[in-house]
C-alpha cells in the first residue's frame, strides 16, 4: 500500500536516528523532511465531494505516496484510497542511549468512489484541534 518515497523516508529517518545515537550530536534546525506539508485548507476549498476528479486531487496534493482500496462496515461499496504523508524532523539531540527528536507529521487519506473524490481523513500533530 505504501509507495517507494514513503519507504525511503522511513529508511532515511532511521539512518538519521542511528547517526545521532552513535555520534551523540545535536542539530537544532530542520534536518530532514519528506517534502512540503500539504495545505489541507485547499482540500476543502478546491475540491468538491461527488464531483472532483483524481486529476483535481493531484493538482492540489500531487502524486500519492501510496494507494489501495477499502470497504467500510456501513457501506460495502469499494473505495479507492490515496495516501499522503509529510514528516519533518525539526531538531534532534542524543542524550546517551536516548535520542530526543521534535517531529512534525501529517497523514492524509483521500477516498474515491467510482473514480470521483469522496472525502478525506487528515491527521496531524502540527496543529492543535479546536471544537466548533
Protein backbone atom coordinates (compact mmCIF):
# COMPACT_ATOMS: atom_id res chain seq x y z
CA UNK A 1 0.00 0.00 0.00
CA UNK A 2 2.88 2.37 0.54
CA UNK A 3 4.87 3.99 -2.21
CA UNK A 4 8.62 3.97 -2.72
CA UNK A 5 9.08 7.52 -1.39
CA UNK A 6 7.40 6.67 1.90
CA UNK A 7 9.69 3.67 2.45
CA UNK A 8 12.70 5.79 1.52
CA UNK A 9 11.68 8.45 4.03
CA UNK A 10 11.41 5.88 6.81
CA UNK A 11 14.84 4.48 5.97
CA UNK A 12 16.36 7.96 5.89
CA UNK A 13 14.85 8.82 9.28
CA UNK A 14 16.13 5.54 10.76
CA UNK A 15 19.63 6.27 9.44
CA UNK A 16 19.48 9.79 10.88
CA UNK A 17 18.48 8.47 14.31
CA UNK A 18 21.30 5.90 14.16
CA UNK A 19 23.79 8.66 13.35
CA UNK A 20 22.61 10.72 16.33
CA UNK A 21 22.84 7.67 18.58
CA UNK A 22 26.40 6.84 17.52
CA UNK A 23 27.83 10.35 17.39
CA UNK A 24 25.90 11.99 20.23
CA UNK A 25 25.35 15.13 18.18
CA UNK A 26 22.67 17.77 18.35
CA UNK A 27 21.17 19.57 15.38
CA UNK A 28 18.86 22.49 16.25
CA UNK A 29 17.28 23.34 12.86
CA UNK A 30 15.27 21.41 10.25
CA UNK A 31 17.30 18.36 9.37
CA UNK A 32 15.12 16.15 7.21
CA UNK A 33 11.75 16.28 5.52
CA UNK A 34 9.76 14.05 3.18
CA UNK A 35 8.53 17.14 1.35
CA UNK A 36 6.47 20.26 1.91
CA UNK A 37 3.39 19.99 4.10
CA UNK A 38 0.17 19.90 2.09
CA UNK A 39 -2.20 22.80 2.54
CA UNK A 40 -5.17 20.88 3.94
CA UNK A 41 -7.35 24.00 3.71
CA UNK A 42 -7.03 23.70 -0.09
CA UNK A 43 -8.75 20.29 0.06
CA UNK A 44 -11.90 21.86 1.46
CA UNK A 45 -11.65 24.95 -0.74
CA UNK A 46 -10.60 23.47 -4.11
CA UNK A 47 -12.25 20.02 -4.08
CA UNK A 48 -15.94 19.08 -4.11
CA UNK A 49 -17.13 15.73 -2.82
CA UNK A 50 -19.03 13.89 -5.53
CA UNK A 51 -17.69 15.93 -8.46
CA UNK A 52 -13.90 16.46 -8.23
CA UNK A 53 -11.74 14.02 -10.18
CA UNK A 54 -8.45 12.26 -9.44
CA UNK A 55 -6.71 14.87 -11.60
CA UNK A 56 -8.20 17.59 -9.38
CA UNK A 57 -6.78 15.85 -6.29
CA UNK A 58 -3.36 15.52 -7.93
CA UNK A 59 -3.43 19.20 -8.83
CA UNK A 60 -3.96 20.05 -5.13
CA UNK A 61 -1.80 17.39 -3.40
CA UNK A 62 0.48 15.97 -6.08
CA UNK A 63 1.01 12.29 -6.77
CA UNK A 64 0.07 9.96 -3.90
CA UNK A 65 2.79 8.23 -1.89
CA UNK A 66 0.67 5.11 -1.58
CA UNK A 67 -2.68 3.73 -2.66
CA UNK A 68 -5.10 0.88 -2.09
CA UNK A 69 -8.76 0.02 -1.53
CA UNK A 70 -11.09 -0.17 1.46
CA UNK A 71 -14.57 -1.30 2.46
CA UNK A 72 -16.43 0.45 5.27
CA UNK A 73 -18.80 -1.53 7.54
CA UNK A 74 -21.94 0.54 6.92
CA UNK A 75 -21.38 0.99 3.16
CA UNK A 76 -19.95 -2.05 1.34
CA UNK A 77 -19.03 -0.03 -1.77
CA UNK A 78 -15.33 -0.48 -2.58
CA UNK A 79 -13.44 2.81 -2.37
CA UNK A 80 -10.03 3.60 -3.75
CA UNK A 81 -7.67 5.25 -1.27
CA UNK A 82 -4.71 7.53 -1.91
CA UNK A 83 -2.21 8.02 0.92
CA UNK A 84 -0.03 11.07 1.58
CA UNK A 85 2.38 11.64 4.46
CA UNK A 86 4.67 14.51 5.36
CA UNK A 87 7.28 14.12 8.08
CA UNK A 88 9.78 16.73 9.22
CA UNK A 89 12.43 16.38 11.90
CA UNK A 90 12.69 19.86 13.39
CA UNK A 91 15.55 19.05 15.76
CA UNK A 92 17.13 16.08 17.46
CA UNK A 93 19.56 15.55 20.29
CA UNK A 94 21.32 12.45 21.56
CA UNK A 95 21.43 12.02 25.33
CA UNK A 96 23.46 8.88 25.88
CA UNK A 97 21.41 5.97 24.58
CA UNK A 98 18.28 8.13 24.14
CA UNK A 99 17.60 10.24 21.06
CA UNK A 100 15.08 13.01 21.56
CA UNK A 101 13.53 14.35 18.37
CA UNK A 102 10.95 17.00 17.63
CA UNK A 103 8.98 15.54 14.73
CA UNK A 104 6.10 17.14 12.87
CA UNK A 105 3.91 14.86 10.79
CA UNK A 106 0.66 14.78 8.92
CA UNK A 107 -1.12 11.95 7.17
CA UNK A 108 -3.85 12.48 4.59
CA UNK A 109 -6.00 9.65 3.26
CA UNK A 110 -8.14 10.59 0.25
CA UNK A 111 -11.14 8.44 -0.75
CA UNK A 112 -12.61 7.92 -4.22
CA UNK A 113 -15.93 6.31 -5.06
CA UNK A 114 -16.17 5.19 -8.69
CA UNK A 115 -13.16 7.40 -9.51
CA UNK A 116 -14.69 10.57 -8.00
CA UNK A 117 -13.46 12.35 -4.84
CA UNK A 118 -15.49 11.11 -1.86
CA UNK A 119 -13.75 12.78 1.08
CA UNK A 120 -10.58 12.60 3.14
CA UNK A 121 -9.16 11.97 6.61
CA UNK A 122 -6.37 14.17 7.92
CA UNK A 123 -4.15 13.52 10.93
CA UNK A 124 -1.52 15.98 12.18
CA UNK A 125 0.49 16.70 15.28
CA UNK A 126 1.37 20.18 13.97
CA UNK A 127 -1.98 21.81 14.73
CA UNK A 128 -3.91 21.96 17.97
CA UNK A 129 -7.50 20.82 17.38
CA UNK A 130 -10.36 23.07 18.42
CA UNK A 131 -14.03 22.17 18.69
CA UNK A 132 -16.76 24.06 16.87
